[in-house]
C-alpha atoms as a PDB file:
ATOM      1  CA  UNK A   1     103.554 121.804  -7.590  1.00  0.00           C
ATOM      2  CA  UNK A   2     101.152 123.207  -5.117  1.00  0.00           C
ATOM      3  CA  UNK A   3      98.303 121.376  -3.460  1.00  0.00           C
ATOM      4  CA  UNK A   4      95.449 120.955  -5.904  1.00  0.00           C
ATOM      5  CA  UNK A   5      97.751 120.224  -8.843  1.00  0.00           C
ATOM      6  CA  UNK A   6      98.534 123.816  -9.909  1.00  0.00           C
ATOM      7  CA  UNK A   7     101.487 126.118  -9.556  1.00  0.00           C
ATOM      8  CA  UNK A   8     101.460 128.509  -6.663  1.00  0.00           C
ATOM      9  CA  UNK A   9     101.835 132.178  -7.426  1.00  0.00           C
ATOM     10  CA  UNK A  10     101.969 134.885  -4.816  1.00  0.00           C
ATOM     11  CA  UNK A  11      99.923 137.024  -7.204  1.00  0.00           C
ATOM     12  CA  UNK A  12      97.075 134.859  -8.438  1.00  0.00           C
ATOM     13  CA  UNK A  13      97.031 131.784  -6.225  1.00  0.00           C
ATOM     14  CA  UNK A  14      96.779 128.527  -8.157  1.00  0.00           C
ATOM     15  CA  UNK A  15      97.654 129.274 -11.811  1.00  0.00           C
ATOM     16  CA  UNK A  16      99.123 126.911 -14.371  1.00  0.00           C
ATOM     17  CA  UNK A  17     102.144 128.228 -16.310  1.00  0.00           C
ATOM     18  CA  UNK A  18     100.538 127.858 -19.748  1.00  0.00           C
ATOM     19  CA  UNK A  19      97.757 130.157 -18.611  1.00  0.00           C
ATOM     20  CA  UNK A  20     100.077 133.048 -17.753  1.00  0.00           C
ATOM     21  CA  UNK A  21     102.057 132.613 -20.986  1.00  0.00           C
ATOM     22  CA  UNK A  22      98.954 132.255 -23.184  1.00  0.00           C
ATOM     23  CA  UNK A  23     100.046 128.750 -24.139  1.00  0.00           C
ATOM     24  CA  UNK A  24     103.522 129.798 -25.279  1.00  0.00           C
ATOM     25  CA  UNK A  25     106.363 127.557 -24.167  1.00  0.00           C
ATOM     26  CA  UNK A  26     109.384 129.102 -25.892  1.00  0.00           C
ATOM     27  CA  UNK A  27     110.779 132.577 -25.290  1.00  0.00           C
ATOM     28  CA  UNK A  28     111.715 134.740 -28.256  1.00  0.00           C
ATOM     29  CA  UNK A  29     115.145 135.483 -26.748  1.00  0.00           C
ATOM     30  CA  UNK A  30     117.805 133.096 -25.513  1.00  0.00           C
ATOM     31  CA  UNK A  31     117.829 133.543 -21.761  1.00  0.00           C
ATOM     32  CA  UNK A  32     119.944 131.520 -19.361  1.00  0.00           C
ATOM     33  CA  UNK A  33     119.328 130.961 -15.654  1.00  0.00           C
ATOM     34  CA  UNK A  34     121.999 133.532 -14.896  1.00  0.00           C
ATOM     35  CA  UNK A  35     120.940 136.092 -17.545  1.00  0.00           C
ATOM     36  CA  UNK A  36     120.192 139.382 -15.809  1.00  0.00           C
ATOM     37  CA  UNK A  37     117.381 141.828 -16.537  1.00  0.00           C
ATOM     38  CA  UNK A  38     116.598 145.370 -15.429  1.00  0.00           C
ATOM     39  CA  UNK A  39     113.709 147.716 -16.189  1.00  0.00           C
ATOM     40  CA  UNK A  40     113.868 150.695 -18.489  1.00  0.00           C
ATOM     41  CA  UNK A  41     111.205 153.051 -19.811  1.00  0.00           C
ATOM     42  CA  UNK A  42     109.024 151.167 -22.285  1.00  0.00           C
ATOM     43  CA  UNK A  43     109.437 152.171 -25.923  1.00  0.00           C
ATOM     44  CA  UNK A  44     105.848 151.220 -26.802  1.00  0.00           C
ATOM     45  CA  UNK A  45     102.566 150.883 -24.935  1.00  0.00           C
ATOM     46  CA  UNK A  46     102.467 147.941 -22.565  1.00  0.00           C
ATOM     47  CA  UNK A  47      99.600 145.496 -22.260  1.00  0.00           C
ATOM     48  CA  UNK A  48     100.752 143.721 -19.142  1.00  0.00           C
ATOM     49  CA  UNK A  49      99.403 141.021 -16.892  1.00  0.00           C
ATOM     50  CA  UNK A  50      99.883 140.783 -13.140  1.00  0.00           C
ATOM     51  CA  UNK A  51     102.922 138.535 -13.752  1.00  0.00           C
ATOM     52  CA  UNK A  52     104.470 141.043 -16.167  1.00  0.00           C
ATOM     53  CA  UNK A  53     103.929 143.795 -13.587  1.00  0.00           C
ATOM     54  CA  UNK A  54     105.539 141.675 -10.853  1.00  0.00           C
ATOM     55  CA  UNK A  55     108.510 140.963 -13.103  1.00  0.00           C
ATOM     56  CA  UNK A  56     108.957 144.681 -13.774  1.00  0.00           C
ATOM     57  CA  UNK A  57     108.685 145.456 -10.070  1.00  0.00           C
ATOM     58  CA  UNK A  58     111.405 142.963  -9.141  1.00  0.00           C
ATOM     59  CA  UNK A  59     113.729 144.308 -11.857  1.00  0.00           C
ATOM     60  CA  UNK A  60     113.180 147.969 -11.030  1.00  0.00           C
ATOM     61  CA  UNK A  61     115.710 148.405  -8.221  1.00  0.00           C
ATOM     62  CA  UNK A  62     118.573 146.356  -9.653  1.00  0.00           C
ATOM     63  CA  UNK A  63     119.349 143.744 -12.289  1.00  0.00           C
ATOM     64  CA  UNK A  64     117.932 140.332 -11.400  1.00  0.00           C
ATOM     65  CA  UNK A  65     118.844 136.884 -12.714  1.00  0.00           C
ATOM     66  CA  UNK A  66     116.183 134.821 -14.465  1.00  0.00           C
ATOM     67  CA  UNK A  67     116.567 132.090 -11.826  1.00  0.00           C
ATOM     68  CA  UNK A  68     116.013 134.607  -9.017  1.00  0.00           C
ATOM     69  CA  UNK A  69     112.933 135.990 -10.739  1.00  0.00           C
ATOM     70  CA  UNK A  70     111.528 132.499 -11.118  1.00  0.00           C
ATOM     71  CA  UNK A  71     111.843 131.949  -7.381  1.00  0.00           C
ATOM     72  CA  UNK A  72     110.389 135.332  -6.466  1.00  0.00           C
ATOM     73  CA  UNK A  73     107.394 134.908  -8.769  1.00  0.00           C
ATOM     74  CA  UNK A  74     106.859 131.279  -7.812  1.00  0.00           C
ATOM     75  CA  UNK A  75     106.717 130.317 -11.488  1.00  0.00           C
ATOM     76  CA  UNK A  76     108.748 127.866 -13.590  1.00  0.00           C
ATOM     77  CA  UNK A  77     111.845 129.300 -15.239  1.00  0.00           C
ATOM     78  CA  UNK A  78     110.458 128.698 -18.731  1.00  0.00           C
ATOM     79  CA  UNK A  79     107.327 130.740 -17.962  1.00  0.00           C
ATOM     80  CA  UNK A  80     109.486 133.589 -16.629  1.00  0.00           C
ATOM     81  CA  UNK A  81     111.598 133.488 -19.796  1.00  0.00           C
ATOM     82  CA  UNK A  82     108.466 133.825 -21.965  1.00  0.00           C
ATOM     83  CA  UNK A  83     107.161 136.741 -19.874  1.00  0.00           C
ATOM     84  CA  UNK A  84     110.580 138.416 -19.882  1.00  0.00           C
ATOM     85  CA  UNK A  85     110.758 138.070 -23.676  1.00  0.00           C
ATOM     86  CA  UNK A  86     107.435 139.947 -23.945  1.00  0.00           C
ATOM     87  CA  UNK A  87     108.864 142.783 -21.862  1.00  0.00           C
ATOM     88  CA  UNK A  88     112.150 142.868 -23.800  1.00  0.00           C
ATOM     89  CA  UNK A  89     110.108 143.189 -27.017  1.00  0.00           C
ATOM     90  CA  UNK A  90     108.165 146.088 -25.499  1.00  0.00           C
ATOM     91  CA  UNK A  91     111.408 147.776 -24.487  1.00  0.00           C
ATOM     92  CA  UNK A  92     110.446 147.635 -20.808  1.00  0.00           C
ATOM     93  CA  UNK A  93     113.235 145.206 -19.834  1.00  0.00           C
ATOM     94  CA  UNK A  94     116.877 145.357 -20.797  1.00  0.00           C
ATOM     95  CA  UNK A  95     118.963 142.211 -21.012  1.00  0.00           C
ATOM     96  CA  UNK A  96     122.027 143.354 -19.064  1.00  0.00           C
ATOM     97  CA  UNK A  97     124.107 140.209 -19.158  1.00  0.00           C
ATOM     98  CA  UNK A  98     122.688 137.703 -21.681  1.00  0.00           C
ATOM     99  CA  UNK A  99     125.076 134.884 -20.834  1.00  0.00           C
ATOM    100  CA  UNK A 100     125.281 135.519 -17.109  1.00  0.00           C
ATOM    101  CA  UNK A 101     128.507 136.207 -15.267  1.00  0.00           C
ATOM    102  CA  UNK A 102     131.697 135.393 -17.078  1.00  0.00           C
ATOM    103  CA  UNK A 103     133.729 132.491 -15.787  1.00  0.00           C
ATOM    104  CA  UNK A 104     136.828 133.373 -13.768  1.00  0.00           C
ATOM    105  CA  UNK A 105     140.184 133.013 -15.462  1.00  0.00           C
ATOM    106  CA  UNK A 106     142.004 129.700 -14.967  1.00  0.00           C
ATOM    107  CA  UNK A 107     145.022 131.315 -13.206  1.00  0.00           C
ATOM    108  CA  UNK A 108     142.665 132.897 -10.657  1.00  0.00           C
ATOM    109  CA  UNK A 109     140.986 129.544  -9.965  1.00  0.00           C
ATOM    110  CA  UNK A 110     144.394 127.861  -9.607  1.00  0.00           C
ATOM    111  CA  UNK A 111     145.508 130.560  -7.142  1.00  0.00           C
ATOM    112  CA  UNK A 112     142.356 130.094  -5.062  1.00  0.00           C
ATOM    113  CA  UNK A 113     142.838 126.314  -5.033  1.00  0.00           C
ATOM    114  CA  UNK A 114     146.473 126.685  -4.019  1.00  0.00           C
ATOM    115  CA  UNK A 115     145.479 129.068  -1.225  1.00  0.00           C
ATOM    116  CA  UNK A 116     142.853 126.639   0.049  1.00  0.00           C
ATOM    117  CA  UNK A 117     145.242 123.694  -0.064  1.00  0.00           C
ATOM    118  CA  UNK A 118     147.969 125.628   1.784  1.00  0.00           C
ATOM    119  CA  UNK A 119     145.635 126.949   4.481  1.00  0.00           C
ATOM    120  CA  UNK A 120     145.661 123.659   6.433  1.00  0.00           C
END
């Protein structure tokens, strides 16, 4: 929390999360911290806020994880998930990897562990 009791945003200063999400607390889509998003041409007209625009800007060059976007926007993860859901609905964001990166195979992890143990 920022001084003064609000959340700090690089865009609007001191803004509480429920204000930027219009009181919504649950996203329409299941998004994980490691879910990645990237922009695409919107399929319908957008009525965006400054936070929506910032989210689109950060996802325009390459796919970004929800957790990374939360840090860049200076907003709680849940607020970013709600905003991202709005943009997915509008067709402006594409959910590239809904579950985040896949876990490495067990044999690969065992090989890495063996290599680390034998390196001493």
